[in-house]
């Protein structure tokens, strides 16, 4: 699908959102969406168990509101915007959630909060929820990929910038907005787009909040449009639109958002993370785990230039990160931990494991060589040149990180990740897997949310 020269992109996008039906979505795209929803449910439940998003959950419950929706893993009903705030933070809190490499966005963290909250609020069928989720995936991936890495280069989190648009599209579709009001919802949502990356310099947890804030704001934007508020239909391509104002790119071809819409599905090109760390580290971690343990004295990691300011600089805070979240965005520390432990998992980034002498000493000897690599940084190859104790040099490399469209996790491995994140095999996790992977057949979200609440330990 393409828009003609006179149709604003948001309006063309809204018209597609309103028209789309489940039968228009190919089976492989539906299955991919269900896989990503399950992966996001697992990462959110793991974060709940770890207490990683407790401030957001506490605030959301405190906000209360009409009993419309529940926080993932709970049963207390609060307003849908408040529930989305908590659920979005939970899904993203461990940085174990999926990533679309072309847009460098955490797709499910942007889509799942509004999908669950508004889907529960309106009693939507599983088929309608799945359709809305695919809409959200396409919106967040396409709007971000139109300006690859441009938001990050300006110090903004693309997941937050584009996630609020996806949440507005999801909420508007599930709420039954027509194309005109959905266009306004997108325009209103654009005024809430943001999300600073300054956390990279301190290790603070603001990034965890971004998908939750975007989900909440997107739902509010849809409600404002339903009540008659208007928003600019040039929210993307306008002179003060998202690309010009937030990406600093007035030259972005915003209509590329619409290229192949309904024929080429970005939902199938989202990477499932094997490691709970920044996606820009993953190819290097794959390579590190192929090196001999206990014999490496120094490492030179080749790195895409766009990744350097995020995972390699400033060097002192990357060698000795102050917080678990800081460690998740440190190539030197994460590679050193992988070499020390022979694995990278949720326990790798536990607070008490950050100051291990064997890891910090090796991290000080992990350096970066910037290489002009083609394509997006999140899909770049990983190559490590390691010096061993006997003086030999060995090279470990991978063409791209595991879990992406060219090297996807199998259904078996994806379910295993979700079950492990949900706390292990049980009747409740089995019910959660069935209800999510067969979402289109569910009459509503009751069975899925009940299973998640049981896993979360909530009885009321």
Protein backbone atom coordinates (compact mmCIF):
# COMPACT_ATOMS: atom_id res chain seq x y z
CA UNK A 1 0.00 0.00 0.00
CA UNK A 2 1.17 3.55 -0.71
CA UNK A 3 -0.46 6.89 -0.10
CA UNK A 4 -1.01 9.34 -2.92
CA UNK A 5 0.92 12.58 -2.81
CA UNK A 6 -1.88 14.48 -1.07
CA UNK A 7 -2.79 11.98 1.66
CA UNK A 8 -0.95 12.48 4.97
CA UNK A 9 0.77 9.35 6.21
CA UNK A 10 -1.14 9.16 9.50
CA UNK A 11 -4.45 9.33 7.66
CA UNK A 12 -3.45 6.57 5.22
CA UNK A 13 -2.20 4.50 8.14
CA UNK A 14 -5.46 5.02 10.06
CA UNK A 15 -7.52 3.97 7.06
CA UNK A 16 -5.54 0.73 6.85
CA UNK A 17 -5.92 0.12 10.60
CA UNK A 18 -9.69 0.48 10.39
CA UNK A 19 -10.02 -1.77 7.33
CA UNK A 20 -7.75 -4.64 8.40
CA UNK A 21 -9.41 -7.94 9.29
CA UNK A 22 -7.89 -11.08 10.74
CA UNK A 23 -8.47 -12.93 7.47
CA UNK A 24 -6.28 -10.33 5.72
CA UNK A 25 -3.32 -11.36 7.86
CA UNK A 26 -1.32 -14.37 6.59
CA UNK A 27 -1.03 -17.37 8.89
CA UNK A 28 2.72 -16.97 9.41
CA UNK A 29 2.22 -13.35 10.49
CA UNK A 30 -0.48 -14.33 12.97
CA UNK A 31 1.76 -17.05 14.36
CA UNK A 32 4.69 -14.64 14.65
CA UNK A 33 2.50 -12.16 16.56
CA UNK A 34 1.38 -14.89 18.97
CA UNK A 35 5.01 -15.92 19.53
CA UNK A 36 6.00 -12.37 20.37
CA UNK A 37 3.04 -11.85 22.68
CA UNK A 38 4.00 -15.03 24.55
CA UNK A 39 7.60 -13.90 24.77
CA UNK A 40 6.48 -10.55 26.19
CA UNK A 41 4.19 -12.19 28.73
CA UNK A 42 7.13 -14.27 29.90
CA UNK A 43 9.51 -11.33 30.26
CA UNK A 44 6.87 -9.36 32.13
CA UNK A 45 6.18 -12.19 34.57
CA UNK A 46 9.92 -12.67 35.15
CA UNK A 47 10.24 -8.97 35.96
CA UNK A 48 7.31 -9.22 38.38
CA UNK A 49 8.97 -12.13 40.16
CA UNK A 50 12.25 -10.18 40.40
CA UNK A 51 10.48 -7.02 41.60
CA UNK A 52 12.15 -5.17 38.72
CA UNK A 53 9.18 -2.89 38.02
CA UNK A 54 7.77 -2.49 41.54
CA UNK A 55 7.69 1.35 41.45
CA UNK A 56 5.57 1.36 38.29
CA UNK A 57 3.24 -1.33 39.63
CA UNK A 58 2.87 0.52 42.95
CA UNK A 59 2.07 3.80 41.22
CA UNK A 60 -0.37 2.16 38.78
CA UNK A 61 -2.29 0.45 41.58
CA UNK A 62 -2.29 3.73 43.49
CA UNK A 63 -3.72 5.59 40.52
CA UNK A 64 -6.68 3.22 40.58
CA UNK A 65 -9.53 4.50 38.49
CA UNK A 66 -12.52 2.66 37.06
CA UNK A 67 -12.15 -1.15 37.17
CA UNK A 68 -11.26 -1.67 33.51
CA UNK A 69 -8.12 -3.79 33.35
CA UNK A 70 -5.52 -5.63 35.40
CA UNK A 71 -1.75 -5.35 35.62
CA UNK A 72 0.00 -8.38 34.10
CA UNK A 73 0.23 -11.04 36.81
CA UNK A 74 -2.43 -9.48 39.05
CA UNK A 75 -6.19 -9.38 39.53
CA UNK A 76 -6.85 -5.90 40.93
CA UNK A 77 -8.80 -3.95 38.32
CA UNK A 78 -7.76 -0.36 37.68
CA UNK A 79 -8.05 2.04 34.74
CA UNK A 80 -6.72 0.82 31.41
CA UNK A 81 -4.12 3.65 31.13
CA UNK A 82 -2.80 2.83 34.61
CA UNK A 83 -2.66 -0.90 33.84
CA UNK A 84 -0.72 -0.20 30.63
CA UNK A 85 1.79 1.90 32.57
CA UNK A 86 2.63 -1.04 34.82
CA UNK A 87 2.45 -3.81 32.23
CA UNK A 88 4.65 -1.96 29.74
CA UNK A 89 7.27 -1.38 32.40
CA UNK A 90 7.13 -5.04 33.42
CA UNK A 91 7.60 -6.32 29.88
CA UNK A 92 10.68 -4.14 29.33
CA UNK A 93 12.16 -4.08 32.84
CA UNK A 94 14.72 -6.88 32.35
CA UNK A 95 15.61 -5.85 28.77
CA UNK A 96 14.81 -9.45 27.78
CA UNK A 97 12.01 -8.44 25.40
CA UNK A 98 12.16 -8.54 21.61
CA UNK A 99 13.70 -6.02 19.20
CA UNK A 100 13.02 -5.02 15.61
CA UNK A 101 16.50 -4.46 14.18
CA UNK A 102 15.49 -2.10 11.37
CA UNK A 103 13.87 0.38 13.73
CA UNK A 104 15.80 -0.59 16.89
CA UNK A 105 12.52 -0.72 18.79
CA UNK A 106 11.26 -3.09 21.47
CA UNK A 107 8.14 -4.05 19.59
CA UNK A 108 6.21 -6.14 22.12
CA UNK A 109 6.89 -3.75 25.01
CA UNK A 110 5.27 -1.07 22.86
CA UNK A 111 2.31 -3.20 21.72
CA UNK A 112 1.38 -5.58 24.55
CA UNK A 113 0.41 -3.01 27.26
CA UNK A 114 -2.37 -1.32 25.27
CA UNK A 115 -3.42 -4.60 23.65
CA UNK A 116 -4.02 -6.29 27.01
CA UNK A 117 -5.44 -3.26 28.84
CA UNK A 118 -7.90 -2.12 26.19
CA UNK A 119 -8.66 -5.66 25.09
CA UNK A 120 -9.66 -6.50 28.64
CA UNK A 121 -11.54 -3.23 29.08
CA UNK A 122 -13.80 -3.74 26.05
CA UNK A 123 -14.08 -7.55 26.35
CA UNK A 124 -12.51 -8.04 22.92
CA UNK A 125 -12.36 -11.48 21.35
CA UNK A 126 -9.03 -13.19 20.88
CA UNK A 127 -9.34 -12.63 17.14
CA UNK A 128 -9.81 -8.89 17.63
CA UNK A 129 -6.95 -8.72 20.11
CA UNK A 130 -4.64 -10.55 17.71
CA UNK A 131 -5.60 -8.24 14.83
CA UNK A 132 -4.92 -5.19 17.00
CA UNK A 133 -1.56 -6.62 18.07
CA UNK A 134 -0.46 -7.09 14.45
CA UNK A 135 -1.54 -3.50 13.76
CA UNK A 136 0.60 -2.34 16.68
CA UNK A 137 3.61 -4.32 15.51
CA UNK A 138 3.41 -2.90 12.00
CA UNK A 139 3.00 0.68 13.24
CA UNK A 140 5.88 0.66 15.72
CA UNK A 141 8.31 -1.18 13.45
CA UNK A 142 7.52 0.81 10.32
CA UNK A 143 7.50 4.28 11.89
CA UNK A 144 10.87 3.59 13.55
CA UNK A 145 12.49 1.93 10.52
CA UNK A 146 11.68 4.93 8.32
CA UNK A 147 14.46 6.78 10.18
CA UNK A 148 16.89 4.05 11.27
CA UNK A 149 18.91 5.03 14.35
CA UNK A 150 17.95 8.69 13.86
CA UNK A 151 16.07 8.95 17.17
CA UNK A 152 18.89 7.27 19.12
CA UNK A 153 21.44 9.59 17.51
CA UNK A 154 19.45 12.51 18.96
CA UNK A 155 19.37 10.94 22.43
CA UNK A 156 15.80 9.62 22.19
CA UNK A 157 14.51 6.10 22.70
CA UNK A 158 12.78 4.99 19.49
CA UNK A 159 10.62 2.54 21.44
CA UNK A 160 9.12 5.45 23.33
CA UNK A 161 8.83 7.78 20.34
CA UNK A 162 7.12 5.26 18.08
CA UNK A 163 5.55 3.12 20.79
CA UNK A 164 3.01 5.80 21.68
CA UNK A 165 1.81 5.78 18.06
CA UNK A 166 1.45 1.99 18.13
CA UNK A 167 -0.46 2.15 21.43
CA UNK A 168 -2.83 4.77 20.02
CA UNK A 169 -3.44 2.63 16.94
CA UNK A 170 -4.12 -0.46 19.06
CA UNK A 171 -6.40 1.39 21.47
CA UNK A 172 -8.23 3.13 18.66
CA UNK A 173 -8.82 -0.10 16.78
CA UNK A 174 -10.06 -1.98 19.86
CA UNK A 175 -12.25 0.99 20.85
CA UNK A 176 -13.87 1.14 17.42
CA UNK A 177 -12.65 4.56 16.29
CA UNK A 178 -13.34 5.48 12.69
CA UNK A 179 -10.47 6.54 10.41
CA UNK A 180 -10.89 10.26 11.06
CA UNK A 181 -10.76 9.92 14.83
CA UNK A 182 -7.97 7.36 14.67
CA UNK A 183 -5.97 9.83 12.59
CA UNK A 184 -6.47 12.38 15.34
CA UNK A 185 -5.46 9.80 17.94
CA UNK A 186 -2.14 9.33 16.12
CA UNK A 187 -1.72 13.09 15.88
CA UNK A 188 -2.41 13.55 19.59
CA UNK A 189 -0.11 10.67 20.51
CA UNK A 190 2.74 12.33 18.63
CA UNK A 191 2.75 15.16 21.17
CA UNK A 192 3.55 12.62 23.89
CA UNK A 193 6.44 11.04 21.97
CA UNK A 194 9.80 11.23 23.72
CA UNK A 195 11.99 9.18 26.04
CA UNK A 196 15.50 10.40 26.83
CA UNK A 197 18.53 8.09 26.66
CA UNK A 198 20.38 9.95 29.40
CA UNK A 199 20.04 6.81 31.54
CA UNK A 200 22.99 5.44 29.54
CA UNK A 201 25.29 7.80 31.45
CA UNK A 202 24.01 6.90 34.91
CA UNK A 203 22.59 3.36 34.78
CA UNK A 204 19.24 4.62 36.06
CA UNK A 205 16.00 2.80 35.29
CA UNK A 206 14.08 5.43 33.31
CA UNK A 207 14.32 3.37 30.12
CA UNK A 208 12.28 0.62 31.79
CA UNK A 209 9.41 3.08 32.14
CA UNK A 210 9.31 4.21 28.51
CA UNK A 211 7.01 1.51 27.07
CA UNK A 212 4.64 1.84 30.01
CA UNK A 213 4.44 5.60 29.69
CA UNK A 214 3.96 5.27 25.91
CA UNK A 215 1.23 2.66 26.34
CA UNK A 216 -0.63 4.78 28.84
CA UNK A 217 -0.33 7.94 26.72
CA UNK A 218 -1.45 6.10 23.59
CA UNK A 219 -4.62 4.92 25.29
CA UNK A 220 -5.33 8.44 26.54
CA UNK A 221 -4.72 9.81 23.03
CA UNK A 222 -7.33 7.42 21.61
CA UNK A 223 -9.80 8.46 24.30
CA UNK A 224 -9.21 12.15 23.62
CA UNK A 225 -9.83 11.59 19.92
CA UNK A 226 -13.01 9.66 20.71
CA UNK A 227 -14.16 12.62 22.80
CA UNK A 228 -13.62 15.00 19.90
CA UNK A 229 -10.08 16.30 20.36
CA UNK A 230 -8.17 16.76 17.11
CA UNK A 231 -4.60 15.97 16.22
CA UNK A 232 -2.48 16.85 13.18
CA UNK A 233 -2.66 14.34 10.35
CA UNK A 234 0.86 15.46 9.40
CA UNK A 235 2.21 14.26 12.75
CA UNK A 236 4.93 12.23 11.02
CA UNK A 237 6.05 14.23 7.99
CA UNK A 238 5.13 17.79 9.00
CA UNK A 239 7.62 20.61 9.43
CA UNK A 240 7.27 20.19 13.19
CA UNK A 241 6.34 16.52 13.00
CA UNK A 242 8.05 13.57 14.63
CA UNK A 243 10.78 13.07 12.03
CA UNK A 244 11.75 16.74 11.76
CA UNK A 245 11.47 17.61 15.44
CA UNK A 246 12.61 14.42 17.18
CA UNK A 247 14.88 12.79 14.62
CA UNK A 248 16.25 16.02 13.20
CA UNK A 249 15.51 14.58 9.78
CA UNK A 250 13.23 16.71 7.64
CA UNK A 251 14.48 14.61 4.72
CA UNK A 252 12.92 11.37 5.97
CA UNK A 253 10.63 9.85 3.35
CA UNK A 254 7.71 9.38 5.73
CA UNK A 255 5.65 7.63 3.09
CA UNK A 256 8.08 4.70 3.36
CA UNK A 257 6.05 3.81 6.45
CA UNK A 258 3.34 2.71 4.02
CA UNK A 259 5.50 0.83 1.51
CA UNK A 260 4.21 -2.71 1.16
CA UNK A 261 1.74 -2.24 4.01
CA UNK A 262 -0.51 -5.29 4.02
CA UNK A 263 1.87 -7.21 1.73
CA UNK A 264 5.23 -7.07 3.51
CA UNK A 265 4.89 -7.75 7.24
CA UNK A 266 7.49 -6.40 9.66
CA UNK A 267 5.85 -8.53 12.37
CA UNK A 268 7.81 -11.49 10.99
CA UNK A 269 11.12 -9.61 11.23
CA UNK A 270 11.30 -9.06 14.98
CA UNK A 271 14.13 -10.67 16.94
CA UNK A 272 13.44 -12.73 20.08
CA UNK A 273 16.25 -12.15 22.56
CA UNK A 274 18.24 -15.08 23.94
CA UNK A 275 19.93 -12.76 26.47
CA UNK A 276 18.48 -10.17 28.90
CA UNK A 277 20.64 -7.32 27.64
CA UNK A 278 20.76 -4.62 24.96
CA UNK A 279 20.23 -6.10 21.48
CA UNK A 280 23.38 -4.32 20.27
CA UNK A 281 25.44 -6.71 22.43
CA UNK A 282 23.93 -9.96 21.26
CA UNK A 283 26.14 -10.82 18.29
CA UNK A 284 29.21 -10.14 20.45
CA UNK A 285 27.81 -12.33 23.22
CA UNK A 286 27.18 -15.16 20.75
CA UNK A 287 30.82 -14.87 19.69
CA UNK A 288 32.08 -14.66 23.29
CA UNK A 289 30.34 -17.88 24.24
CA UNK A 290 32.23 -19.63 21.43
CA UNK A 291 35.62 -18.69 22.94
CA UNK A 292 37.50 -20.97 25.35
CA UNK A 293 36.58 -20.25 28.96
CA UNK A 294 39.28 -19.43 31.47
CA UNK A 295 42.00 -18.89 28.88
CA UNK A 296 41.22 -15.39 27.53
CA UNK A 297 43.36 -12.50 28.75
CA UNK A 298 42.11 -9.72 26.44
CA UNK A 299 39.52 -9.14 23.72
CA UNK A 300 39.07 -6.70 20.87
CA UNK A 301 35.42 -6.47 19.78
CA UNK A 302 34.48 -5.11 16.36
CA UNK A 303 31.46 -2.84 16.62
CA UNK A 304 29.09 -0.92 14.34
CA UNK A 305 29.63 2.85 14.80
CA UNK A 306 25.98 3.42 15.74
CA UNK A 307 26.36 1.01 18.65
CA UNK A 308 29.44 2.63 20.17
CA UNK A 309 27.80 5.47 22.15
CA UNK A 310 25.20 3.08 23.53
CA UNK A 311 27.24 0.03 24.63
CA UNK A 312 30.90 1.14 24.64
CA UNK A 313 31.03 4.75 25.86
CA UNK A 314 31.81 6.40 28.19
CA UNK A 315 34.34 3.67 28.86
CA UNK A 316 34.76 4.04 32.67
CA UNK A 317 31.06 3.39 33.32
CA UNK A 318 31.03 0.52 30.83
CA UNK A 319 34.00 -1.24 32.43
CA UNK A 320 32.56 -0.84 35.93
CA UNK A 321 28.80 -0.34 35.64
CA UNK A 322 27.11 0.95 38.77
CA UNK A 323 23.75 -0.76 38.30
CA UNK A 324 22.35 -3.93 36.69
CA UNK A 325 20.77 -1.79 33.98
CA UNK A 326 24.11 -0.14 33.31
CA UNK A 327 25.69 -3.59 32.92
CA UNK A 328 23.03 -4.62 30.40
CA UNK A 329 24.27 -1.77 28.19
CA UNK A 330 27.97 -2.50 28.59
CA UNK A 331 29.79 -4.52 25.95
CA UNK A 332 33.04 -4.83 27.97
CA UNK A 333 31.31 -5.99 31.14
CA UNK A 334 28.82 -8.32 29.44
CA UNK A 335 31.47 -9.98 27.27
CA UNK A 336 33.66 -10.47 30.35
CA UNK A 337 30.75 -11.99 32.28
CA UNK A 338 29.99 -14.34 29.39
CA UNK A 339 33.60 -15.50 29.34
CA UNK A 340 33.71 -15.93 33.12
CA UNK A 341 30.41 -17.79 33.46
CA UNK A 342 29.94 -19.54 30.13
CA UNK A 343 26.38 -18.20 29.95
CA UNK A 344 24.34 -14.98 30.02
CA UNK A 345 20.97 -15.06 31.78
CA UNK A 346 18.87 -13.13 34.27
CA UNK A 347 21.22 -14.04 37.12
CA UNK A 348 24.19 -12.57 35.23
CA UNK A 349 22.93 -9.07 36.01
CA UNK A 350 21.93 -9.59 39.64
CA UNK A 351 23.09 -6.59 41.74
CA UNK A 352 25.36 -8.70 43.93
CA UNK A 353 27.23 -10.03 40.88
CA UNK A 354 28.31 -6.69 39.41
CA UNK A 355 31.54 -6.24 41.37
CA UNK A 356 33.08 -9.67 40.84
CA UNK A 357 36.86 -9.09 40.54
CA UNK A 358 37.34 -11.67 37.81
CA UNK A 359 34.72 -9.97 35.65
CA UNK A 360 35.77 -6.35 36.20
CA UNK A 361 39.44 -7.22 35.64
CA UNK A 362 38.65 -8.86 32.30
CA UNK A 363 36.21 -6.08 31.34
CA UNK A 364 39.11 -3.65 31.64
CA UNK A 365 40.85 -5.66 28.91
CA UNK A 366 37.89 -5.73 26.51
CA UNK A 367 38.33 -2.96 23.98
CA UNK A 368 36.40 -1.89 20.88
CA UNK A 369 37.44 -1.45 17.26
CA UNK A 370 34.92 0.58 15.29
CA UNK A 371 34.20 -0.99 11.90
CA UNK A 372 32.11 0.60 9.16
CA UNK A 373 29.56 -2.20 8.82
CA UNK A 374 26.57 -2.05 6.45
CA UNK A 375 22.96 -2.19 7.63
CA UNK A 376 21.47 -1.44 11.04
CA UNK A 377 23.59 -1.85 14.16
CA UNK A 378 21.14 -4.32 15.73
CA UNK A 379 21.64 -6.70 12.80
CA UNK A 380 25.41 -6.34 12.51
CA UNK A 381 27.80 -9.29 12.74
CA UNK A 382 29.78 -10.01 15.88
CA UNK A 383 33.54 -10.51 15.72
CA UNK A 384 35.91 -10.87 18.67
CA UNK A 385 39.69 -11.20 18.48
CA UNK A 386 40.85 -12.78 21.72
CA UNK A 387 44.39 -13.12 23.06
CA UNK A 388 44.90 -16.30 25.08
CA UNK A 389 47.21 -16.86 28.03
CA UNK A 390 49.80 -18.56 25.80
CA UNK A 391 49.91 -15.56 23.48
CA UNK A 392 47.88 -17.04 20.64
CA UNK A 393 45.12 -15.03 18.99
CA UNK A 394 41.78 -16.67 18.22
CA UNK A 395 38.81 -15.22 16.40
CA UNK A 396 35.15 -15.90 17.15
CA UNK A 397 32.50 -14.44 14.88
CA UNK A 398 28.86 -14.72 13.97
CA UNK A 399 27.02 -13.31 10.97
CA UNK A 400 24.24 -11.89 13.16
CA UNK A 401 22.72 -12.52 16.56
CA UNK A 402 20.46 -15.50 17.18
CA UNK A 403 16.70 -15.07 17.40
CA UNK A 404 16.21 -12.86 14.34
CA UNK A 405 14.31 -13.56 11.13
CA UNK A 406 17.26 -15.35 9.50
CA UNK A 407 18.11 -17.41 12.61
CA UNK A 408 14.85 -17.57 14.61
CA UNK A 409 14.34 -19.41 17.86
CA UNK A 410 12.26 -22.52 17.25
CA UNK A 411 8.78 -22.68 18.74
CA UNK A 412 10.14 -25.20 21.24
CA UNK A 413 12.93 -22.86 22.34
CA UNK A 414 10.62 -19.84 22.45
CA UNK A 415 8.10 -21.67 24.63
CA UNK A 416 10.95 -22.88 26.86
CA UNK A 417 12.13 -19.29 27.33
CA UNK A 418 8.61 -18.13 28.19
CA UNK A 419 8.01 -21.00 30.62
CA UNK A 420 11.35 -20.40 32.35
CA UNK A 421 10.60 -16.68 32.64
CA UNK A 422 7.16 -17.49 34.04
CA UNK A 423 8.77 -19.53 36.82
CA UNK A 424 8.80 -23.03 35.35
CA UNK A 425 6.37 -25.64 34.11
CA UNK A 426 2.93 -25.72 35.75
CA UNK A 427 -0.71 -26.02 34.82
CA UNK A 428 -0.92 -22.23 34.73
CA UNK A 429 2.07 -21.82 32.39
CA UNK A 430 0.64 -24.50 30.10
CA UNK A 431 -2.68 -22.62 30.02
CA UNK A 432 -0.88 -19.35 29.30
CA UNK A 433 1.02 -20.90 26.38
CA UNK A 434 -2.13 -22.45 24.89
CA UNK A 435 -4.23 -19.32 25.26
CA UNK A 436 -1.56 -17.13 23.67
CA UNK A 437 -0.43 -19.34 20.78
CA UNK A 438 -4.07 -20.05 19.90
CA UNK A 439 -5.24 -16.53 20.68
CA UNK A 440 -7.55 -16.22 17.66
CA UNK A 441 -9.74 -19.03 19.03
CA UNK A 442 -10.15 -17.47 22.51
CA UNK A 443 -13.54 -15.85 23.21
CA UNK A 444 -11.79 -13.11 25.18
CA UNK A 445 -8.68 -12.58 27.31
CA UNK A 446 -10.06 -14.26 30.44
CA UNK A 447 -8.11 -17.52 30.24
CA UNK A 448 -4.84 -15.79 29.35
CA UNK A 449 -5.10 -13.19 32.11
CA UNK A 450 -6.25 -15.73 34.68
CA UNK A 451 -3.24 -17.93 33.93
CA UNK A 452 -0.90 -14.93 34.21
CA UNK A 453 -2.48 -13.93 37.55
CA UNK A 454 -2.07 -17.47 38.87
CA UNK A 455 1.58 -17.46 37.85
CA UNK A 456 1.97 -14.07 39.47
CA UNK A 457 0.61 -15.49 42.71
CA UNK A 458 -2.46 -13.26 42.86
CA UNK A 459 -5.59 -14.72 44.40
CA UNK A 460 -7.71 -11.58 44.38
